[in-house]
PDB file of N, CA and C in Angstrom:
ATOM      1  N   MET A   1       1.667-143.397  91.948  1.00  0.00           N
ATOM      2  CA  MET A   1       2.146-144.729  91.669  1.00  0.00           C
ATOM      3  C   MET A   1       3.459-144.614  90.895  1.00  0.00           C
ATOM      4  N   ASN A   2       4.399-145.453  91.215  1.00  0.00           N
ATOM      5  CA  ASN A   2       5.671-145.476  90.514  1.00  0.00           C
ATOM      6  C   ASN A   2       5.747-146.708  89.635  1.00  0.00           C
ATOM      7  N   ALA A   3       6.257-146.517  88.450  1.00  0.00           N
ATOM      8  CA  ALA A   3       6.397-147.620  87.500  1.00  0.00           C
ATOM      9  C   ALA A   3       7.779-148.238  87.637  1.00  0.00           C
ATOM     10  N   ASN A   4       7.907-149.443  87.152  1.00  0.00           N
ATOM     11  CA  ASN A   4       9.176-150.136  87.127  1.00  0.00           C
ATOM     12  C   ASN A   4      10.154-149.338  86.256  1.00  0.00           C
ATOM     13  N   PRO A   5      11.347-149.051  86.765  1.00  0.00           N
ATOM     14  CA  PRO A   5      12.303-148.235  86.009  1.00  0.00           C
ATOM     15  C   PRO A   5      12.665-148.809  84.635  1.00  0.00           C
ATOM     16  N   VAL A   6      12.774-150.120  84.524  1.00  0.00           N
ATOM     17  CA  VAL A   6      13.105-150.736  83.239  1.00  0.00           C
ATOM     18  C   VAL A   6      11.965-150.530  82.250  1.00  0.00           C
ATOM     19  N   LEU A   7      10.743-150.690  82.718  1.00  0.00           N
ATOM     20  CA  LEU A   7       9.587-150.478  81.848  1.00  0.00           C
ATOM     21  C   LEU A   7       9.480-149.025  81.424  1.00  0.00           C
ATOM     22  N   LEU A   8       9.808-148.114  82.329  1.00  0.00           N
ATOM     23  CA  LEU A   8       9.785-146.690  81.982  1.00  0.00           C
ATOM     24  C   LEU A   8      10.818-146.375  80.902  1.00  0.00           C
ATOM     25  N   GLN A   9      12.013-146.938  81.009  1.00  0.00           N
ATOM     26  CA  GLN A   9      13.039-146.690  80.000  1.00  0.00           C
ATOM     27  C   GLN A   9      12.586-147.155  78.624  1.00  0.00           C
ATOM     28  N   LYS A  10      11.921-148.301  78.570  1.00  0.00           N
ATOM     29  CA  LYS A  10      11.414-148.806  77.289  1.00  0.00           C
ATOM     30  C   LYS A  10      10.304-147.899  76.761  1.00  0.00           C
ATOM     31  N   LYS A  11       9.463-147.416  77.670  1.00  0.00           N
ATOM     32  CA  LYS A  11       8.388-146.512  77.257  1.00  0.00           C
ATOM     33  C   LYS A  11       8.986-145.213  76.722  1.00  0.00           C
ATOM     34  N   TYR A  12       9.981-144.679  77.412  1.00  0.00           N
ATOM     35  CA  TYR A  12      10.637-143.466  76.947  1.00  0.00           C
ATOM     36  C   TYR A  12      11.155-143.644  75.520  1.00  0.00           C
ATOM     37  N   ALA A  13      11.789-144.771  75.254  1.00  0.00           N
ATOM     38  CA  ALA A  13      12.347-145.025  73.918  1.00  0.00           C
ATOM     39  C   ALA A  13      11.250-145.025  72.857  1.00  0.00           C
ATOM     40  N   ARG A  14      10.124-145.671  73.151  1.00  0.00           N
ATOM     41  CA  ARG A  14       9.020-145.715  72.180  1.00  0.00           C
ATOM     42  C   ARG A  14       8.426-144.328  71.969  1.00  0.00           C
ATOM     43  N   VAL A  15       8.254-143.578  73.045  1.00  0.00           N
ATOM     44  CA  VAL A  15       7.668-142.234  72.958  1.00  0.00           C
ATOM     45  C   VAL A  15       8.597-141.312  72.181  1.00  0.00           C
ATOM     46  N   ILE A  16       9.887-141.383  72.448  1.00  0.00           N
ATOM     47  CA  ILE A  16      10.859-140.535  71.753  1.00  0.00           C
ATOM     48  C   ILE A  16      10.864-140.846  70.262  1.00  0.00           C
ATOM     49  N   GLU A  17      10.812-142.109  69.913  1.00  0.00           N
ATOM     50  CA  GLU A  17      10.802-142.497  68.498  1.00  0.00           C
ATOM     51  C   GLU A  17       9.545-141.971  67.803  1.00  0.00           C
ATOM     52  N   GLU A  18       8.396-142.112  68.435  1.00  0.00           N
ATOM     53  CA  GLU A  18       7.143-141.615  67.849  1.00  0.00           C
ATOM     54  C   GLU A  18       7.155-140.094  67.751  1.00  0.00           C
ATOM     55  N   PHE A  19       7.662-139.430  68.783  1.00  0.00           N
ATOM     56  CA  PHE A  19       7.747-137.974  68.783  1.00  0.00           C
ATOM     57  C   PHE A  19       8.650-137.479  67.648  1.00  0.00           C
ATOM     58  N   ALA A  20       9.783-138.135  67.433  1.00  0.00           N
ATOM     59  CA  ALA A  20      10.700-137.745  66.358  1.00  0.00           C
ATOM     60  C   ALA A  20       9.993-137.817  65.006  1.00  0.00           C
ATOM     61  N   LYS A  21       9.197-138.852  64.808  1.00  0.00           N
ATOM     62  CA  LYS A  21       8.445-138.985  63.561  1.00  0.00           C
ATOM     63  C   LYS A  21       7.429-137.859  63.418  1.00  0.00           C
ATOM     64  N   LYS A  22       6.681-137.587  64.491  1.00  0.00           N
ATOM     65  CA  LYS A  22       5.630-136.567  64.447  1.00  0.00           C
ATOM     66  C   LYS A  22       6.214-135.177  64.208  1.00  0.00           C
ATOM     67  N   ALA A  23       7.333-134.887  64.856  1.00  0.00           N
ATOM     68  CA  ALA A  23       7.921-133.548  64.767  1.00  0.00           C
ATOM     69  C   ALA A  23       8.876-133.409  63.590  1.00  0.00           C
ATOM     70  N   CYS A  24       9.110-134.503  62.879  1.00  0.00           N
ATOM     71  CA  CYS A  24      10.050-134.496  61.743  1.00  0.00           C
ATOM     72  C   CYS A  24      11.426-133.978  62.160  1.00  0.00           C
ATOM     73  N   ILE A  25      11.928-134.526  63.274  1.00  0.00           N
ATOM     74  CA  ILE A  25      13.255-134.166  63.766  1.00  0.00           C
ATOM     75  C   ILE A  25      14.057-135.449  63.965  1.00  0.00           C
ATOM     76  N   THR A  26      15.353-135.302  64.165  1.00  0.00           N
ATOM     77  CA  THR A  26      16.200-136.470  64.362  1.00  0.00           C
ATOM     78  C   THR A  26      15.927-137.104  65.724  1.00  0.00           C
ATOM     79  N   LEU A  27      16.328-138.351  65.852  1.00  0.00           N
ATOM     80  CA  LEU A  27      16.178-139.022  67.145  1.00  0.00           C
ATOM     81  C   LEU A  27      17.009-138.329  68.220  1.00  0.00           C
ATOM     82  N   ASP A  28      18.183-137.836  67.855  1.00  0.00           N
ATOM     83  CA  ASP A  28      19.028-137.122  68.823  1.00  0.00           C
ATOM     84  C   ASP A  28      18.335-135.862  69.333  1.00  0.00           C
ATOM     85  N   ALA A  29      17.732-135.104  68.417  1.00  0.00           N
ATOM     86  CA  ALA A  29      17.022-133.882  68.816  1.00  0.00           C
ATOM     87  C   ALA A  29      15.801-134.232  69.670  1.00  0.00           C
ATOM     88  N   ALA A  30      15.103-135.301  69.299  1.00  0.00           N
ATOM     89  CA  ALA A  30      13.930-135.728  70.061  1.00  0.00           C
ATOM     90  C   ALA A  30      14.334-136.180  71.464  1.00  0.00           C
ATOM     91  N   LEU A  31      15.430-136.909  71.544  1.00  0.00           N
ATOM     92  CA  LEU A  31      15.929-137.383  72.835  1.00  0.00           C
ATOM     93  C   LEU A  31      16.287-136.203  73.730  1.00  0.00           C
ATOM     94  N   ASP A  32      17.009-135.251  73.172  1.00  0.00           N
ATOM     95  CA  ASP A  32      17.407-134.070  73.940  1.00  0.00           C
ATOM     96  C   ASP A  32      16.187-133.291  74.426  1.00  0.00           C
ATOM     97  N   PHE A  33      15.233-133.074  73.533  1.00  0.00           N
ATOM     98  CA  PHE A  33      14.052-132.321  73.925  1.00  0.00           C
ATOM     99  C   PHE A  33      13.255-133.079  74.987  1.00  0.00           C
ATOM    100  N   PHE A  34      13.091-134.384  74.802  1.00  0.00           N
ATOM    101  CA  PHE A  34      12.309-135.187  75.741  1.00  0.00           C
ATOM    102  C   PHE A  34      12.842-135.060  77.164  1.00  0.00           C
ATOM    103  N   TYR A  35      14.150-135.231  77.324  1.00  0.00           N
ATOM    104  CA  TYR A  35      14.718-135.222  78.676  1.00  0.00           C
ATOM    105  C   TYR A  35      14.767-133.831  79.308  1.00  0.00           C
ATOM    106  N   HIS A  36      14.404-132.801  78.553  1.00  0.00           N
ATOM    107  CA  HIS A  36      14.287-131.451  79.106  1.00  0.00           C
ATOM    108  C   HIS A  36      12.836-130.963  79.107  1.00  0.00           C
ATOM    109  N   SER A  37      11.907-131.859  78.842  1.00  0.00           N
ATOM    110  CA  SER A  37      10.504-131.467  78.699  1.00  0.00           C
ATOM    111  C   SER A  37       9.718-131.594  80.001  1.00  0.00           C
ATOM    112  N   GLU A  38       8.603-130.888  80.020  1.00  0.00           N
ATOM    113  CA  GLU A  38       7.667-130.986  81.134  1.00  0.00           C
ATOM    114  C   GLU A  38       7.013-132.370  81.149  1.00  0.00           C
ATOM    115  N   VAL A  39       6.761-132.921  79.979  1.00  0.00           N
ATOM    116  CA  VAL A  39       6.153-134.253  79.879  1.00  0.00           C
ATOM    117  C   VAL A  39       7.031-135.281  80.589  1.00  0.00           C
ATOM    118  N   TYR A  40       8.336-135.223  80.344  1.00  0.00           N
ATOM    119  CA  TYR A  40       9.265-136.150  81.006  1.00  0.00           C
ATOM    120  C   TYR A  40       9.190-135.995  82.523  1.00  0.00           C
ATOM    121  N   CYS A  41       9.174-134.766  82.999  1.00  0.00           N
ATOM    122  CA  CYS A  41       9.094-134.534  84.446  1.00  0.00           C
ATOM    123  C   CYS A  41       7.822-135.133  85.032  1.00  0.00           C
ATOM    124  N   LEU A  42       6.723-134.961  84.337  1.00  0.00           N
ATOM    125  CA  LEU A  42       5.454-135.498  84.828  1.00  0.00           C
ATOM    126  C   LEU A  42       5.463-137.024  84.859  1.00  0.00           C
ATOM    127  N   ILE A  43       6.009-137.632  83.829  1.00  0.00           N
ATOM    128  CA  ILE A  43       6.086-139.093  83.796  1.00  0.00           C
ATOM    129  C   ILE A  43       7.002-139.586  84.913  1.00  0.00           C
ATOM    130  N   ARG A  44       8.181-138.999  85.007  1.00  0.00           N
ATOM    131  CA  ARG A  44       9.183-139.420  85.988  1.00  0.00           C
ATOM    132  C   ARG A  44       8.660-139.304  87.420  1.00  0.00           C
ATOM    133  N   GLU A  45       7.913-138.241  87.689  1.00  0.00           N
ATOM    134  CA  GLU A  45       7.410-138.016  89.039  1.00  0.00           C
ATOM    135  C   GLU A  45       6.108-138.763  89.315  1.00  0.00           C
ATOM    136  N   GLY A  46       5.562-139.418  88.308  1.00  0.00           N
ATOM    137  CA  GLY A  46       4.349-140.206  88.504  1.00  0.00           C
ATOM    138  C   GLY A  46       3.095-139.365  88.623  1.00  0.00           C
ATOM    139  N   VAL A  47       3.127-138.130  88.141  1.00  0.00           N
ATOM    140  CA  VAL A  47       1.983-137.239  88.225  1.00  0.00           C
ATOM    141  C   VAL A  47       0.864-137.742  87.321  1.00  0.00           C
ATOM    142  N   SER A  48      -0.313-137.851  87.876  1.00  0.00           N
ATOM    143  CA  SER A  48      -1.513-138.253  87.140  1.00  0.00           C
ATOM    144  C   SER A  48      -1.328-139.561  86.376  1.00  0.00           C
ATOM    145  N   ASP A  49      -0.434-140.399  86.848  1.00  0.00           N
ATOM    146  CA  ASP A  49      -0.166-141.679  86.184  1.00  0.00           C
ATOM    147  C   ASP A  49       0.103-141.493  84.700  1.00  0.00           C
ATOM    148  N   MET A  50       0.894-140.490  84.381  1.00  0.00           N
ATOM    149  CA  MET A  50       1.238-140.215  82.979  1.00  0.00           C
ATOM    150  C   MET A  50       1.888-141.418  82.309  1.00  0.00           C
ATOM    151  N   HIS A  51       2.601-142.216  83.084  1.00  0.00           N
ATOM    152  CA  HIS A  51       3.263-143.392  82.506  1.00  0.00           C
ATOM    153  C   HIS A  51       2.260-144.433  82.014  1.00  0.00           C
ATOM    154  N   CYS A  52       1.004-144.286  82.416  1.00  0.00           N
ATOM    155  CA  CYS A  52      -0.045-145.213  81.975  1.00  0.00           C
ATOM    156  C   CYS A  52      -0.675-144.774  80.645  1.00  0.00           C
ATOM    157  N   MET A  53      -0.388-143.564  80.217  1.00  0.00           N
ATOM    158  CA  MET A  53      -0.943-143.064  78.960  1.00  0.00           C
ATOM    159  C   MET A  53      -0.276-143.777  77.787  1.00  0.00           C
ATOM    160  N   SER A  54      -0.960-143.788  76.665  1.00  0.00           N
ATOM    161  CA  SER A  54      -0.403-144.466  75.489  1.00  0.00           C
ATOM    162  C   SER A  54       0.817-143.716  74.973  1.00  0.00           C
ATOM    163  N   ASP A  55       1.664-144.446  74.263  1.00  0.00           N
ATOM    164  CA  ASP A  55       2.855-143.843  73.669  1.00  0.00           C
ATOM    165  C   ASP A  55       2.466-142.736  72.698  1.00  0.00           C
ATOM    166  N   LEU A  56       1.431-142.972  71.918  1.00  0.00           N
ATOM    167  CA  LEU A  56       0.972-141.980  70.947  1.00  0.00           C
ATOM    168  C   LEU A  56       0.494-140.704  71.640  1.00  0.00           C
ATOM    169  N   TYR A  57      -0.275-140.857  72.717  1.00  0.00           N
ATOM    170  CA  TYR A  57      -0.748-139.689  73.468  1.00  0.00           C
ATOM    171  C   TYR A  57       0.435-138.876  73.985  1.00  0.00           C
ATOM    172  N   LEU A  58       1.419-139.548  74.574  1.00  0.00           N
ATOM    173  CA  LEU A  58       2.577-138.845  75.123  1.00  0.00           C
ATOM    174  C   LEU A  58       3.403-138.187  74.028  1.00  0.00           C
ATOM    175  N   ALA A  59       3.512-138.840  72.880  1.00  0.00           N
ATOM    176  CA  ALA A  59       4.227-138.238  71.746  1.00  0.00           C
ATOM    177  C   ALA A  59       3.498-136.989  71.265  1.00  0.00           C
ATOM    178  N   GLU A  60       2.177-137.020  71.251  1.00  0.00           N
ATOM    179  CA  GLU A  60       1.397-135.844  70.851  1.00  0.00           C
ATOM    180  C   GLU A  60       1.567-134.711  71.860  1.00  0.00           C
ATOM    181  N   GLU A  61       1.591-135.046  73.147  1.00  0.00           N
ATOM    182  CA  GLU A  61       1.832-134.034  74.178  1.00  0.00           C
ATOM    183  C   GLU A  61       3.216-133.405  73.999  1.00  0.00           C
ATOM    184  N   LEU A  62       4.208-134.230  73.723  1.00  0.00           N
ATOM    185  CA  LEU A  62       5.555-133.722  73.467  1.00  0.00           C
ATOM    186  C   LEU A  62       5.576-132.824  72.235  1.00  0.00           C
ATOM    187  N   ASP A  63       4.863-133.230  71.197  1.00  0.00           N
ATOM    188  CA  ASP A  63       4.810-132.438  69.974  1.00  0.00           C
ATOM    189  C   ASP A  63       4.190-131.067  70.246  1.00  0.00           C
ATOM    190  N   MET A  64       3.144-131.036  71.041  1.00  0.00           N
ATOM    191  CA  MET A  64       2.528-129.744  71.393  1.00  0.00           C
ATOM    192  C   MET A  64       3.496-128.878  72.190  1.00  0.00           C
ATOM    193  N   GLU A  65       4.196-129.491  73.145  1.00  0.00           N
ATOM    194  CA  GLU A  65       5.168-128.746  73.937  1.00  0.00           C
ATOM    195  C   GLU A  65       6.310-128.246  73.042  1.00  0.00           C
ATOM    196  N   TYR A  66       6.727-129.067  72.094  1.00  0.00           N
ATOM    197  CA  TYR A  66       7.784-128.692  71.167  1.00  0.00           C
ATOM    198  C   TYR A  66       7.367-127.502  70.314  1.00  0.00           C
ATOM    199  N   ARG A  67       6.147-127.541  69.789  1.00  0.00           N
ATOM    200  CA  ARG A  67       5.658-126.432  68.959  1.00  0.00           C
ATOM    201  C   ARG A  67       5.516-125.160  69.777  1.00  0.00           C
ATOM    202  N   ASP A  68       5.148-125.277  71.055  1.00  0.00           N
ATOM    203  CA  ASP A  68       5.062-124.097  71.918  1.00  0.00           C
ATOM    204  C   ASP A  68       6.452-123.532  72.214  1.00  0.00           C
ATOM    205  N   THR A  69       7.433-124.418  72.338  1.00  0.00           N
ATOM    206  CA  THR A  69       8.797-124.000  72.651  1.00  0.00           C
ATOM    207  C   THR A  69       9.504-123.434  71.429  1.00  0.00           C
ATOM    208  N   PHE A  70       9.281-124.054  70.264  1.00  0.00           N
ATOM    209  CA  PHE A  70       9.922-123.646  69.019  1.00  0.00           C
ATOM    210  C   PHE A  70       8.864-123.360  67.961  1.00  0.00           C
ATOM    211  N   PRO A  71       8.144-122.249  68.085  1.00  0.00           N
ATOM    212  CA  PRO A  71       7.058-121.979  67.134  1.00  0.00           C
ATOM    213  C   PRO A  71       7.542-121.777  65.698  1.00  0.00           C
ATOM    214  N   GLU A  72       8.818-121.425  65.521  1.00  0.00           N
ATOM    215  CA  GLU A  72       9.325-121.207  64.164  1.00  0.00           C
ATOM    216  C   GLU A  72       9.598-122.520  63.432  1.00  0.00           C
ATOM    217  N   GLU A  73       9.749-123.619  64.192  1.00  0.00           N
ATOM    218  CA  GLU A  73       9.988-124.927  63.582  1.00  0.00           C
ATOM    219  C   GLU A  73       8.683-125.455  63.010  1.00  0.00           C
ATOM    220  N   LYS A  74       8.772-126.116  61.894  1.00  0.00           N
ATOM    221  CA  LYS A  74       7.582-126.720  61.313  1.00  0.00           C
ATOM    222  C   LYS A  74       7.425-128.121  61.876  1.00  0.00           C
ATOM    223  N   SER A  75       6.292-128.369  62.474  1.00  0.00           N
ATOM    224  CA  SER A  75       6.010-129.667  63.059  1.00  0.00           C
ATOM    225  C   SER A  75       4.718-130.178  62.429  1.00  0.00           C
ATOM    226  N   PHE A  76       4.758-131.387  61.949  1.00  0.00           N
ATOM    227  CA  PHE A  76       3.611-131.956  61.268  1.00  0.00           C
ATOM    228  C   PHE A  76       3.003-133.054  62.108  1.00  0.00           C
ATOM    229  N   SER A  77       1.703-133.095  62.123  1.00  0.00           N
ATOM    230  CA  SER A  77       1.004-134.129  62.866  1.00  0.00           C
ATOM    231  C   SER A  77       0.664-135.265  61.925  1.00  0.00           C
ATOM    232  N   ILE A  78       1.093-136.461  62.303  1.00  0.00           N
ATOM    233  CA  ILE A  78       0.778-137.654  61.512  1.00  0.00           C
ATOM    234  C   ILE A  78      -0.448-138.300  62.122  1.00  0.00           C
ATOM    235  N   THR A  79      -1.455-138.467  61.323  1.00  0.00           N
ATOM    236  CA  THR A  79      -2.680-139.080  61.832  1.00  0.00           C
ATOM    237  C   THR A  79      -2.896-140.427  61.220  1.00  0.00           C
TER     238      THR A  79
END
């Protein structure tokens, strides 16, 4: 299933903002990482209806991918 492109852009913005908070990084760094992430590819391609997942879930997935990519960076989980 494909989502409306405008709705996806708004979702991306919310996910990036939440991810930046969780990873304690700047919005610019979060934006850059998001658009090069596997999570972004899955959402964009409509795999497993990832775009239907909550913003928080997607931010947590991004945070896990970020920690796997940059294990030396300190990433904190906000609960």
